[in-house]
Amino acid sequence: MASSSSSSSALYRISTLQNHISPLESNNKLKSLVKVSPEVSEAISNGRAVVALESTIISHGMPYPQNLQTAKEVESIVRENGAVPATIAILNGVPCIGLNEEELERLASLGKSVQKTAGRDIAYVVATRGNGATTVSATLFFASMVGIQVFVTGGIGGVHRHANETMDISSDLTALGRTPIAVISAGVKSILDIPKTLEYLETQEVYVAAYKSNEFPAFFTERSGCKAPSRVDSPEDCARVIDANMKLNRQAGILFAVPIPKQHSAAGNLIESATQRALAEAREQNVTGNAETPFLLARVNELTGGTSLAANIALVKNNALIGSQIAVALSQLM
């Protein structure tokens, strides 16, 4: 009986590992298109915890050299908590999954001259051998390509305010609906329409849960006034949901919304007031499409005297901490 039990356990582990194997392992065409860093490649092959990180926050989220310092600090947090960071970007037309120090420096110094790259832009940036900083939708695509299951960001895109007039809905939401990866964020950016975003995520069959809270967070504040569809209370809870999602072969993603740390949420009212003013200015200046979010975030930072940027950095670091713990817990289930 003991032998039979041991054999069953071994078969289960093999089956689970096969579910986590990167598509690159069996597709030479994909191998020739992307560059996976040795550290990330080894971690994936050995079933270690890996955390995907987007790069738009580096190029468009803050000025140099603050962006480089923040990117390095976020990667350090991931490593300190037992996971391997995989910052994703396109450099000279080559999708890179895991950046070395030189590549990170280059991306940070190029700043906004790098194209903000959503899922729809990937083929163009690759074909023209351009440089692209990946948004949530593009990062999801590349993380899925190599078998990374956990992705940390600041906040995802969503349904914009006045979307009933503009039809401005982020491709992050549809990408989440078709990519079975867990995204850890501080909810959705506060410049967006949160209730409509939650409705859209439900339509896309994305499982949404708030971390240690019954209320969905509003990026810069712990509360949005919207009840969270579900709640999780530990990295292990999150890992079990991800594991079940994979075993059931569901093709939709997961969103774990982590509230900003209390000490950084006090300025929420100030930031919301600045957001309302920035939104009005964007409409007056006809700023739309993928230019709108960088415009709004930069303007809100100006209006709050840098308070919003400091809060943004704090929540990204907190998400990296929680996301790494989730990735480690998931690797222990494999």
C-alpha atoms as a PDB file:
ATOM      1  CA  MET A   1       0.000   0.000   0.000  1.00  0.00           C
ATOM      2  CA  ALA A   2       2.846   2.375   0.887  1.00  0.00           C
ATOM      3  CA  SER A   3       4.505   1.705  -2.479  1.00  0.00           C
ATOM      4  CA  SER A   4       1.225   2.374  -4.306  1.00  0.00           C
ATOM      5  CA  SER A   5       0.746   5.626  -2.394  1.00  0.00           C
ATOM      6  CA  SER A   6       4.318   6.723  -3.141  1.00  0.00           C
ATOM      7  CA  SER A   7       3.866   5.890  -6.832  1.00  0.00           C
ATOM      8  CA  SER A   8       0.621   7.880  -6.987  1.00  0.00           C
ATOM      9  CA  SER A   9       2.307  10.832  -5.330  1.00  0.00           C
ATOM     10  CA  ALA A  10       5.174  10.732  -7.817  1.00  0.00           C
ATOM     11  CA  LEU A  11       2.790  10.558 -10.769  1.00  0.00           C
ATOM     12  CA  TYR A  12       0.842  13.511  -9.371  1.00  0.00           C
ATOM     13  CA  ARG A  13       4.033  15.587  -9.093  1.00  0.00           C
ATOM     14  CA  ILE A  14       5.053  14.708 -12.646  1.00  0.00           C
ATOM     15  CA  SER A  15       1.598  15.670 -13.928  1.00  0.00           C
ATOM     16  CA  THR A  16       1.724  18.973 -12.049  1.00  0.00           C
ATOM     17  CA  LEU A  17       5.188  19.771 -13.368  1.00  0.00           C
ATOM     18  CA  GLN A  18       4.050  19.076 -16.921  1.00  0.00           C
ATOM     19  CA  ASN A  19       1.261  21.615 -16.444  1.00  0.00           C
ATOM     20  CA  HIS A  20       3.909  24.203 -15.487  1.00  0.00           C
ATOM     21  CA  ILE A  21       6.405  23.452 -18.264  1.00  0.00           C
ATOM     22  CA  SER A  22       7.165  26.434 -20.453  1.00  0.00           C
ATOM     23  CA  PRO A  23       5.775  26.291 -24.027  1.00  0.00           C
ATOM     24  CA  LEU A  24       9.298  27.257 -25.129  1.00  0.00           C
ATOM     25  CA  GLU A  25      10.540  23.810 -24.182  1.00  0.00           C
ATOM     26  CA  SER A  26       8.682  22.244 -27.093  1.00  0.00           C
ATOM     27  CA  ASN A  27       8.578  25.094 -29.612  1.00  0.00           C
ATOM     28  CA  ASN A  28      11.813  26.022 -31.359  1.00  0.00           C
ATOM     29  CA  LYS A  29      10.160  28.874 -33.274  1.00  0.00           C
ATOM     30  CA  LEU A  30       9.240  30.573 -30.013  1.00  0.00           C
ATOM     31  CA  LYS A  31      12.771  30.003 -28.703  1.00  0.00           C
ATOM     32  CA  SER A  32      14.195  31.945 -31.640  1.00  0.00           C
ATOM     33  CA  LEU A  33      11.877  34.920 -31.031  1.00  0.00           C
ATOM     34  CA  VAL A  34      12.441  35.625 -27.335  1.00  0.00           C
ATOM     35  CA  LYS A  35      15.427  35.954 -25.039  1.00  0.00           C
ATOM     36  CA  VAL A  36      14.994  34.428 -21.575  1.00  0.00           C
ATOM     37  CA  SER A  37      17.701  35.307 -19.058  1.00  0.00           C
ATOM     38  CA  PRO A  38      19.740  32.356 -17.744  1.00  0.00           C
ATOM     39  CA  GLU A  39      18.480  33.005 -14.185  1.00  0.00           C
ATOM     40  CA  VAL A  40      14.821  32.977 -15.223  1.00  0.00           C
ATOM     41  CA  SER A  41      15.250  30.006 -17.558  1.00  0.00           C
ATOM     42  CA  GLU A  42      16.921  27.911 -14.843  1.00  0.00           C
ATOM     43  CA  ALA A  43      14.260  28.855 -12.286  1.00  0.00           C
ATOM     44  CA  ILE A  44      11.403  27.861 -14.606  1.00  0.00           C
ATOM     45  CA  SER A  45      13.091  24.572 -15.530  1.00  0.00           C
ATOM     46  CA  ASN A  46      13.599  23.693 -11.856  1.00  0.00           C
ATOM     47  CA  GLY A  47      10.083  24.643 -10.777  1.00  0.00           C
ATOM     48  CA  ARG A  48      11.296  27.569  -8.647  1.00  0.00           C
ATOM     49  CA  ALA A  49       9.173  30.631  -7.896  1.00  0.00           C
ATOM     50  CA  VAL A  50       9.313  33.293 -10.638  1.00  0.00           C
ATOM     51  CA  VAL A  51       7.585  36.688 -10.611  1.00  0.00           C
ATOM     52  CA  ALA A  52       6.945  38.599 -13.845  1.00  0.00           C
ATOM     53  CA  LEU A  53       7.314  42.398 -13.727  1.00  0.00           C
ATOM     54  CA  GLU A  54       6.150  44.919 -16.329  1.00  0.00           C
ATOM     55  CA  SER A  55       8.415  47.662 -17.690  1.00  0.00           C
ATOM     56  CA  THR A  56       6.065  50.558 -18.523  1.00  0.00           C
ATOM     57  CA  ILE A  57       6.291  51.665 -14.908  1.00  0.00           C
ATOM     58  CA  ILE A  58      10.065  52.040 -15.475  1.00  0.00           C
ATOM     59  CA  SER A  59       9.936  53.943 -18.771  1.00  0.00           C
ATOM     60  CA  HIS A  60       6.763  55.979 -18.319  1.00  0.00           C
ATOM     61  CA  GLY A  61       5.999  55.847 -14.599  1.00  0.00           C
ATOM     62  CA  MET A  62       8.748  58.031 -13.147  1.00  0.00           C
ATOM     63  CA  PRO A  63      11.844  60.044 -14.141  1.00  0.00           C
ATOM     64  CA  TYR A  64      15.419  58.768 -14.419  1.00  0.00           C
ATOM     65  CA  PRO A  65      17.279  57.787 -12.240  1.00  0.00           C
ATOM     66  CA  GLN A  66      14.420  57.278  -9.755  1.00  0.00           C
ATOM     67  CA  ASN A  67      12.878  54.730 -12.133  1.00  0.00           C
ATOM     68  CA  LEU A  68      16.082  52.671 -12.219  1.00  0.00           C
ATOM     69  CA  GLN A  69      16.464  52.767  -8.440  1.00  0.00           C
ATOM     70  CA  THR A  70      12.840  51.671  -7.946  1.00  0.00           C
ATOM     71  CA  ALA A  71      13.145  48.852 -10.501  1.00  0.00           C
ATOM     72  CA  LYS A  72      16.252  47.516  -8.736  1.00  0.00           C
ATOM     73  CA  GLU A  73      14.593  47.774  -5.319  1.00  0.00           C
ATOM     74  CA  VAL A  74      11.504  45.898  -6.536  1.00  0.00           C
ATOM     75  CA  GLU A  75      13.679  43.113  -7.994  1.00  0.00           C
ATOM     76  CA  SER A  76      15.587  42.950  -4.688  1.00  0.00           C
ATOM     77  CA  ILE A  77      12.344  42.536  -2.737  1.00  0.00           C
ATOM     78  CA  VAL A  78      11.368  39.633  -5.001  1.00  0.00           C
ATOM     79  CA  ARG A  79      14.742  37.938  -4.461  1.00  0.00           C
ATOM     80  CA  GLU A  80      14.753  38.547  -0.699  1.00  0.00           C
ATOM     81  CA  ASN A  81      11.441  36.712  -0.477  1.00  0.00           C
ATOM     82  CA  GLY A  82      12.629  33.613  -2.290  1.00  0.00           C
ATOM     83  CA  ALA A  83      11.562  34.217  -5.889  1.00  0.00           C
ATOM     84  CA  VAL A  84      13.292  35.159  -9.149  1.00  0.00           C
ATOM     85  CA  PRO A  85      12.268  38.472 -10.790  1.00  0.00           C
ATOM     86  CA  ALA A  86      11.546  38.480 -14.522  1.00  0.00           C
ATOM     87  CA  THR A  87      11.252  42.062 -15.739  1.00  0.00           C
ATOM     88  CA  ILE A  88       9.899  41.986 -19.297  1.00  0.00           C
ATOM     89  CA  ALA A  89      10.624  44.417 -22.148  1.00  0.00           C
ATOM     90  CA  ILE A  90      11.379  44.478 -25.877  1.00  0.00           C
ATOM     91  CA  LEU A  91      14.893  45.676 -26.755  1.00  0.00           C
ATOM     92  CA  ASN A  92      15.971  46.117 -30.397  1.00  0.00           C
ATOM     93  CA  GLY A  93      12.979  44.047 -31.451  1.00  0.00           C
ATOM     94  CA  VAL A  94      13.805  41.149 -29.127  1.00  0.00           C
ATOM     95  CA  PRO A  95      11.344  40.318 -26.330  1.00  0.00           C
ATOM     96  CA  CYS A  96      13.472  39.928 -23.193  1.00  0.00           C
ATOM     97  CA  ILE A  97      12.159  37.970 -20.209  1.00  0.00           C
ATOM     98  CA  GLY A  98      14.435  38.822 -17.318  1.00  0.00           C
ATOM     99  CA  LEU A  99      16.694  41.866 -17.728  1.00  0.00           C
ATOM    100  CA  ASN A 100      20.321  42.109 -16.654  1.00  0.00           C
ATOM    101  CA  GLU A 101      21.660  45.268 -14.989  1.00  0.00           C
ATOM    102  CA  GLU A 102      22.836  46.806 -18.273  1.00  0.00           C
ATOM    103  CA  GLU A 103      19.442  46.217 -19.949  1.00  0.00           C
ATOM    104  CA  LEU A 104      17.588  47.645 -16.960  1.00  0.00           C
ATOM    105  CA  GLU A 105      19.813  50.747 -17.036  1.00  0.00           C
ATOM    106  CA  ARG A 106      19.246  51.188 -20.754  1.00  0.00           C
ATOM    107  CA  LEU A 107      15.476  50.916 -20.474  1.00  0.00           C
ATOM    108  CA  ALA A 108      15.386  53.381 -17.577  1.00  0.00           C
ATOM    109  CA  SER A 109      17.612  55.957 -19.282  1.00  0.00           C
ATOM    110  CA  LEU A 110      15.661  55.811 -22.552  1.00  0.00           C
ATOM    111  CA  GLY A 111      12.507  56.635 -20.591  1.00  0.00           C
ATOM    112  CA  LYS A 112       9.520  57.837 -22.585  1.00  0.00           C
ATOM    113  CA  SER A 113      11.343  57.475 -25.915  1.00  0.00           C
ATOM    114  CA  VAL A 114      10.616  53.741 -25.512  1.00  0.00           C
ATOM    115  CA  GLN A 115       7.257  52.787 -27.009  1.00  0.00           C
ATOM    116  CA  LYS A 116       4.554  51.974 -24.494  1.00  0.00           C
ATOM    117  CA  THR A 117       3.687  48.471 -25.724  1.00  0.00           C
ATOM    118  CA  ALA A 118       0.305  46.860 -25.170  1.00  0.00           C
ATOM    119  CA  GLY A 119      -0.596  43.440 -26.543  1.00  0.00           C
ATOM    120  CA  ARG A 120      -1.704  44.868 -29.890  1.00  0.00           C
ATOM    121  CA  ASP A 121       1.690  46.595 -30.396  1.00  0.00           C
ATOM    122  CA  ILE A 122       3.970  43.599 -29.849  1.00  0.00           C
ATOM    123  CA  ALA A 123       4.232  42.441 -33.474  1.00  0.00           C
ATOM    124  CA  TYR A 124       4.947  45.977 -34.725  1.00  0.00           C
ATOM    125  CA  VAL A 125       7.695  46.673 -32.163  1.00  0.00           C
ATOM    126  CA  VAL A 126       9.333  43.311 -32.908  1.00  0.00           C
ATOM    127  CA  ALA A 127       9.032  43.733 -36.698  1.00  0.00           C
ATOM    128  CA  THR A 128      10.569  47.224 -36.638  1.00  0.00           C
ATOM    129  CA  ARG A 129      13.276  46.172 -34.162  1.00  0.00           C
ATOM    130  CA  GLY A 130      12.102  48.829 -31.778  1.00  0.00           C
ATOM    131  CA  ASN A 131      12.275  49.238 -28.025  1.00  0.00           C
ATOM    132  CA  GLY A 132       9.081  48.534 -26.117  1.00  0.00           C
ATOM    133  CA  ALA A 133       8.077  48.855 -22.481  1.00  0.00           C
ATOM    134  CA  THR A 134       5.395  46.287 -21.790  1.00  0.00           C
ATOM    135  CA  THR A 135       2.054  47.177 -20.249  1.00  0.00           C
ATOM    136  CA  VAL A 136       0.000  44.645 -18.291  1.00  0.00           C
ATOM    137  CA  SER A 137      -1.516  43.089 -21.437  1.00  0.00           C
ATOM    138  CA  ALA A 138       1.856  42.631 -23.168  1.00  0.00           C
ATOM    139  CA  THR A 139       3.532  41.360 -20.002  1.00  0.00           C
ATOM    140  CA  LEU A 140       0.754  38.797 -19.579  1.00  0.00           C
ATOM    141  CA  PHE A 141       1.391  37.574 -23.128  1.00  0.00           C
ATOM    142  CA  PHE A 142       5.118  37.023 -22.632  1.00  0.00           C
ATOM    143  CA  ALA A 143       4.796  35.600 -19.111  1.00  0.00           C
ATOM    144  CA  SER A 144       2.290  33.065 -20.414  1.00  0.00           C
ATOM    145  CA  MET A 145       4.603  32.213 -23.315  1.00  0.00           C
ATOM    146  CA  VAL A 146       7.315  30.962 -20.931  1.00  0.00           C
ATOM    147  CA  GLY A 147       5.088  29.506 -18.221  1.00  0.00           C
ATOM    148  CA  ILE A 148       5.342  32.167 -15.483  1.00  0.00           C
ATOM    149  CA  GLN A 149       2.209  32.016 -13.310  1.00  0.00           C
ATOM    150  CA  VAL A 150       2.545  35.093 -11.080  1.00  0.00           C
ATOM    151  CA  PHE A 151       2.802  38.711 -12.250  1.00  0.00           C
ATOM    152  CA  VAL A 152       3.226  41.776 -10.021  1.00  0.00           C
ATOM    153  CA  THR A 153       2.302  45.303 -11.078  1.00  0.00           C
ATOM    154  CA  GLY A 154       1.151  48.567  -9.488  1.00  0.00           C
ATOM    155  CA  GLY A 155      -2.381  48.711 -10.799  1.00  0.00           C
ATOM    156  CA  ILE A 156      -4.078  47.293 -13.873  1.00  0.00           C
ATOM    157  CA  GLY A 157      -5.864  49.343 -16.516  1.00  0.00           C
ATOM    158  CA  GLY A 158      -9.630  49.283 -16.695  1.00  0.00           C
ATOM    159  CA  VAL A 159     -12.755  51.070 -17.835  1.00  0.00           C
ATOM    160  CA  HIS A 160     -12.044  54.795 -18.046  1.00  0.00           C
ATOM    161  CA  ARG A 161     -14.388  57.345 -16.575  1.00  0.00           C
ATOM    162  CA  HIS A 162     -16.734  58.617 -19.320  1.00  0.00           C
ATOM    163  CA  ALA A 163     -16.170  55.336 -21.218  1.00  0.00           C
ATOM    164  CA  ASN A 164     -19.834  55.532 -22.249  1.00  0.00           C
ATOM    165  CA  GLU A 165     -18.736  58.414 -24.504  1.00  0.00           C
ATOM    166  CA  THR A 166     -15.175  57.397 -25.400  1.00  0.00           C
ATOM    167  CA  MET A 167     -15.339  53.566 -25.365  1.00  0.00           C
ATOM    168  CA  ASP A 168     -11.916  53.691 -23.658  1.00  0.00           C
ATOM    169  CA  ILE A 169     -11.494  50.280 -22.033  1.00  0.00           C
ATOM    170  CA  SER A 170      -8.006  48.932 -21.363  1.00  0.00           C
ATOM    171  CA  SER A 171      -6.855  45.812 -23.190  1.00  0.00           C
ATOM    172  CA  ASP A 172      -5.516  44.672 -19.791  1.00  0.00           C
ATOM    173  CA  LEU A 173      -9.028  43.428 -19.015  1.00  0.00           C
ATOM    174  CA  THR A 174      -9.490  41.314 -22.139  1.00  0.00           C
ATOM    175  CA  ALA A 175      -5.923  40.005 -21.794  1.00  0.00           C
ATOM    176  CA  LEU A 176      -6.714  38.900 -18.233  1.00  0.00           C
ATOM    177  CA  GLY A 177      -9.845  37.201 -19.531  1.00  0.00           C
ATOM    178  CA  ARG A 178      -7.853  34.948 -21.857  1.00  0.00           C
ATOM    179  CA  THR A 179      -4.548  34.468 -19.992  1.00  0.00           C
ATOM    180  CA  PRO A 180      -4.424  32.057 -17.020  1.00  0.00           C
ATOM    181  CA  ILE A 181      -1.981  34.062 -14.901  1.00  0.00           C
ATOM    182  CA  ALA A 182      -2.425  35.584 -11.448  1.00  0.00           C
ATOM    183  CA  VAL A 183      -1.912  39.346 -11.330  1.00  0.00           C
ATOM    184  CA  ILE A 184      -1.105  40.982  -8.013  1.00  0.00           C
ATOM    185  CA  SER A 185      -1.940  44.691  -7.999  1.00  0.00           C
ATOM    186  CA  ALA A 186      -3.318  47.436  -5.752  1.00  0.00           C
ATOM    187  CA  GLY A 187      -6.611  47.118  -7.594  1.00  0.00           C
ATOM    188  CA  VAL A 188      -7.121  49.326 -10.636  1.00  0.00           C
ATOM    189  CA  LYS A 189      -5.683  52.795 -11.127  1.00  0.00           C
ATOM    190  CA  SER A 190      -7.754  55.369  -9.250  1.00  0.00           C
ATOM    191  CA  ILE A 191      -8.160  57.473 -12.403  1.00  0.00           C
ATOM    192  CA  LEU A 192     -10.553  54.786 -13.691  1.00  0.00           C
ATOM    193  CA  ASP A 193     -14.193  53.823 -13.146  1.00  0.00           C
ATOM    194  CA  ILE A 194     -13.808  51.060 -10.564  1.00  0.00           C
ATOM    195  CA  PRO A 195     -17.416  49.727 -10.458  1.00  0.00           C
ATOM    196  CA  LYS A 196     -17.533  49.393 -14.261  1.00  0.00           C
ATOM    197  CA  THR A 197     -14.089  47.772 -14.279  1.00  0.00           C
ATOM    198  CA  LEU A 198     -15.249  45.130 -11.802  1.00  0.00           C
ATOM    199  CA  GLU A 199     -18.325  44.466 -13.947  1.00  0.00           C
ATOM    200  CA  TYR A 200     -16.136  44.059 -17.029  1.00  0.00           C
ATOM    201  CA  LEU A 201     -13.801  41.654 -15.228  1.00  0.00           C
ATOM    202  CA  GLU A 202     -16.817  39.559 -14.236  1.00  0.00           C
ATOM    203  CA  THR A 203     -17.901  39.463 -17.891  1.00  0.00           C
ATOM    204  CA  GLN A 204     -14.402  38.248 -18.800  1.00  0.00           C
ATOM    205  CA  GLU A 205     -14.672  35.463 -16.157  1.00  0.00           C
ATOM    206  CA  VAL A 206     -11.677  36.795 -14.233  1.00  0.00           C
ATOM    207  CA  TYR A 207     -11.620  35.667 -10.590  1.00  0.00           C
ATOM    208  CA  VAL A 208     -11.162  38.790  -8.427  1.00  0.00           C
ATOM    209  CA  ALA A 209     -10.285  38.728  -4.726  1.00  0.00           C
ATOM    210  CA  ALA A 210      -9.143  41.362  -2.243  1.00  0.00           C
ATOM    211  CA  TYR A 211      -6.201  40.423  -0.037  1.00  0.00           C
ATOM    212  CA  LYS A 212      -7.097  40.457   3.674  1.00  0.00           C
ATOM    213  CA  SER A 213     -10.018  42.781   2.967  1.00  0.00           C
ATOM    214  CA  ASN A 214     -13.714  42.640   2.106  1.00  0.00           C
ATOM    215  CA  GLU A 215     -13.478  45.805   0.024  1.00  0.00           C
ATOM    216  CA  PHE A 216     -11.801  46.271  -3.348  1.00  0.00           C
ATOM    217  CA  PRO A 217      -8.887  48.737  -3.002  1.00  0.00           C
ATOM    218  CA  ALA A 218      -8.663  51.936  -5.056  1.00  0.00           C
ATOM    219  CA  PHE A 219      -4.921  52.008  -5.795  1.00  0.00           C
ATOM    220  CA  PHE A 220      -3.959  55.033  -3.671  1.00  0.00           C
ATOM    221  CA  THR A 221      -6.480  54.210  -0.945  1.00  0.00           C
ATOM    222  CA  GLU A 222      -7.434  51.019   0.876  1.00  0.00           C
ATOM    223  CA  ARG A 223     -11.130  51.393   0.108  1.00  0.00           C
ATOM    224  CA  SER A 224     -13.108  52.149  -3.022  1.00  0.00           C
ATOM    225  CA  GLY A 225     -16.649  51.749  -1.711  1.00  0.00           C
ATOM    226  CA  CYS A 226     -16.960  48.603  -3.847  1.00  0.00           C
ATOM    227  CA  LYS A 227     -17.376  45.219  -2.158  1.00  0.00           C
ATOM    228  CA  ALA A 228     -14.764  42.739  -3.327  1.00  0.00           C
ATOM    229  CA  PRO A 229     -16.213  39.738  -5.206  1.00  0.00           C
ATOM    230  CA  SER A 230     -14.108  37.443  -3.011  1.00  0.00           C
ATOM    231  CA  ARG A 231     -11.484  37.496  -0.267  1.00  0.00           C
ATOM    232  CA  VAL A 232      -8.179  35.681   0.353  1.00  0.00           C
ATOM    233  CA  ASP A 233      -6.153  35.916   3.550  1.00  0.00           C
ATOM    234  CA  SER A 234      -2.738  34.381   2.897  1.00  0.00           C
ATOM    235  CA  PRO A 235      -0.203  33.574   0.160  1.00  0.00           C
ATOM    236  CA  GLU A 236      -1.215  29.934   0.565  1.00  0.00           C
ATOM    237  CA  ASP A 237      -4.879  30.782  -0.125  1.00  0.00           C
ATOM    238  CA  CYS A 238      -3.812  32.538  -3.324  1.00  0.00           C
ATOM    239  CA  ALA A 239      -1.520  29.695  -4.381  1.00  0.00           C
ATOM    240  CA  ARG A 240      -4.302  27.127  -3.991  1.00  0.00           C
ATOM    241  CA  VAL A 241      -6.599  29.211  -6.216  1.00  0.00           C
ATOM    242  CA  ILE A 242      -3.898  29.517  -8.901  1.00  0.00           C
ATOM    243  CA  ASP A 243      -3.131  25.803  -8.699  1.00  0.00           C
ATOM    244  CA  ALA A 244      -6.801  24.848  -9.061  1.00  0.00           C
ATOM    245  CA  ASN A 245      -7.215  27.278 -11.960  1.00  0.00           C
ATOM    246  CA  MET A 246      -4.331  25.574 -13.785  1.00  0.00           C
ATOM    247  CA  LYS A 247      -5.454  22.014 -13.041  1.00  0.00           C
ATOM    248  CA  LEU A 248      -8.953  22.807 -14.301  1.00  0.00           C
ATOM    249  CA  ASN A 249      -7.360  24.217 -17.478  1.00  0.00           C
ATOM    250  CA  ARG A 250      -9.316  27.439 -17.165  1.00  0.00           C
ATOM    251  CA  GLN A 251      -8.091  29.994 -19.674  1.00  0.00           C
ATOM    252  CA  ALA A 252      -9.088  33.093 -17.697  1.00  0.00           C
ATOM    253  CA  GLY A 253      -6.774  34.913 -15.322  1.00  0.00           C
ATOM    254  CA  ILE A 254      -6.911  35.873 -11.658  1.00  0.00           C
ATOM    255  CA  LEU A 255      -6.669  39.290  -9.993  1.00  0.00           C
ATOM    256  CA  PHE A 256      -5.531  39.554  -6.380  1.00  0.00           C
ATOM    257  CA  ALA A 257      -6.075  43.140  -5.218  1.00  0.00           C
ATOM    258  CA  VAL A 258      -3.728  44.131  -2.380  1.00  0.00           C
ATOM    259  CA  PRO A 259      -4.578  47.334  -0.464  1.00  0.00           C
ATOM    260  CA  ILE A 260      -1.869  49.984  -0.235  1.00  0.00           C
ATOM    261  CA  PRO A 261      -0.092  49.922   3.176  1.00  0.00           C
ATOM    262  CA  LYS A 262      -1.990  52.022   5.742  1.00  0.00           C
ATOM    263  CA  GLN A 263       0.817  54.512   6.285  1.00  0.00           C
ATOM    264  CA  HIS A 264       0.685  55.534   2.614  1.00  0.00           C
ATOM    265  CA  SER A 265      -3.083  55.720   2.178  1.00  0.00           C
ATOM    266  CA  ALA A 266      -3.691  58.870   4.246  1.00  0.00           C
ATOM    267  CA  ALA A 267      -3.261  61.163   1.229  1.00  0.00           C
ATOM    268  CA  GLY A 268      -6.090  59.453  -0.648  1.00  0.00           C
ATOM    269  CA  ASN A 269      -8.466  62.435  -0.550  1.00  0.00           C
ATOM    270  CA  LEU A 270      -5.767  64.819  -1.783  1.00  0.00           C
ATOM    271  CA  ILE A 271      -4.938  62.471  -4.636  1.00  0.00           C
ATOM    272  CA  GLU A 272      -8.605  61.972  -5.575  1.00  0.00           C
ATOM    273  CA  SER A 273      -9.110  65.758  -5.768  1.00  0.00           C
ATOM    274  CA  ALA A 274      -6.032  66.041  -8.006  1.00  0.00           C
ATOM    275  CA  THR A 275      -7.322  63.159 -10.126  1.00  0.00           C
ATOM    276  CA  GLN A 276     -10.622  64.947 -10.778  1.00  0.00           C
ATOM    277  CA  ARG A 277      -8.740  68.066 -11.905  1.00  0.00           C
ATOM    278  CA  ALA A 278      -6.367  66.057 -14.116  1.00  0.00           C
ATOM    279  CA  LEU A 279      -9.314  64.268 -15.744  1.00  0.00           C
ATOM    280  CA  ALA A 280     -10.943  67.606 -16.580  1.00  0.00           C
ATOM    281  CA  GLU A 281      -7.676  68.864 -18.085  1.00  0.00           C
ATOM    282  CA  ALA A 282      -7.272  65.702 -20.167  1.00  0.00           C
ATOM    283  CA  ARG A 283     -10.742  66.199 -21.627  1.00  0.00           C
ATOM    284  CA  GLU A 284     -10.078  69.883 -22.339  1.00  0.00           C
ATOM    285  CA  GLN A 285      -6.797  69.001 -24.104  1.00  0.00           C
ATOM    286  CA  ASN A 286      -8.330  65.992 -25.885  1.00  0.00           C
ATOM    287  CA  VAL A 287      -5.772  63.573 -24.430  1.00  0.00           C
ATOM    288  CA  THR A 288      -7.062  60.072 -25.213  1.00  0.00           C
ATOM    289  CA  GLY A 289      -5.984  56.464 -25.863  1.00  0.00           C
ATOM    290  CA  ASN A 290      -2.721  55.140 -24.478  1.00  0.00           C
ATOM    291  CA  ALA A 291      -1.476  58.713 -23.901  1.00  0.00           C
ATOM    292  CA  GLU A 292      -4.149  59.357 -21.285  1.00  0.00           C
ATOM    293  CA  THR A 293      -2.890  57.244 -18.379  1.00  0.00           C
ATOM    294  CA  PRO A 294       0.720  58.619 -18.439  1.00  0.00           C
ATOM    295  CA  PHE A 295      -0.696  62.162 -18.743  1.00  0.00           C
ATOM    296  CA  LEU A 296      -3.044  61.688 -15.792  1.00  0.00           C
ATOM    297  CA  LEU A 297      -0.469  60.033 -13.531  1.00  0.00           C
ATOM    298  CA  ALA A 298       2.131  62.737 -14.284  1.00  0.00           C
ATOM    299  CA  ARG A 299      -0.385  65.556 -13.737  1.00  0.00           C
ATOM    300  CA  VAL A 300      -1.650  64.043 -10.476  1.00  0.00           C
ATOM    301  CA  ASN A 301       1.950  63.771  -9.280  1.00  0.00           C
ATOM    302  CA  GLU A 302       2.504  67.476 -10.071  1.00  0.00           C
ATOM    303  CA  LEU A 303      -0.706  68.535  -8.327  1.00  0.00           C
ATOM    304  CA  THR A 304       0.101  66.526  -5.191  1.00  0.00           C
ATOM    305  CA  GLY A 305       3.698  67.684  -4.990  1.00  0.00           C
ATOM    306  CA  GLY A 306       5.070  64.201  -5.488  1.00  0.00           C
ATOM    307  CA  THR A 307       2.828  62.547  -2.902  1.00  0.00           C
ATOM    308  CA  SER A 308       1.139  60.292  -5.458  1.00  0.00           C
ATOM    309  CA  LEU A 309       4.461  59.060  -6.872  1.00  0.00           C
ATOM    310  CA  ALA A 310       5.750  58.174  -3.404  1.00  0.00           C
ATOM    311  CA  ALA A 311       2.536  56.267  -2.725  1.00  0.00           C
ATOM    312  CA  ASN A 312       2.811  54.537  -6.113  1.00  0.00           C
ATOM    313  CA  ILE A 313       6.334  53.315  -5.341  1.00  0.00           C
ATOM    314  CA  ALA A 314       5.255  52.111  -1.883  1.00  0.00           C
ATOM    315  CA  LEU A 315       2.353  50.068  -3.200  1.00  0.00           C
ATOM    316  CA  VAL A 316       4.439  48.487  -5.982  1.00  0.00           C
ATOM    317  CA  LYS A 317       7.004  47.370  -3.404  1.00  0.00           C
ATOM    318  CA  ASN A 318       4.268  45.963  -1.183  1.00  0.00           C
ATOM    319  CA  ASN A 319       2.777  44.102  -4.153  1.00  0.00           C
ATOM    320  CA  ALA A 320       6.231  42.666  -4.929  1.00  0.00           C
ATOM    321  CA  LEU A 321       6.474  41.384  -1.354  1.00  0.00           C
ATOM    322  CA  ILE A 322       3.046  39.707  -1.419  1.00  0.00           C
ATOM    323  CA  GLY A 323       3.463  38.459  -4.994  1.00  0.00           C
ATOM    324  CA  SER A 324       6.789  36.794  -4.173  1.00  0.00           C
ATOM    325  CA  GLN A 325       5.251  35.032  -1.190  1.00  0.00           C
ATOM    326  CA  ILE A 326       2.421  33.787  -3.420  1.00  0.00           C
ATOM    327  CA  ALA A 327       4.878  32.543  -6.061  1.00  0.00           C
ATOM    328  CA  VAL A 328       6.893  30.661  -3.424  1.00  0.00           C
ATOM    329  CA  ALA A 329       3.728  29.097  -1.962  1.00  0.00           C
ATOM    330  CA  LEU A 330       2.698  28.032  -5.480  1.00  0.00           C
ATOM    331  CA  SER A 331       6.092  26.446  -6.204  1.00  0.00           C
ATOM    332  CA  GLN A 332       5.690  24.350  -3.050  1.00  0.00           C
ATOM    333  CA  LEU A 333       2.465  22.878  -4.428  1.00  0.00           C
ATOM    334  CA  MET A 334       4.226  21.620  -7.555  1.00  0.00           C
END
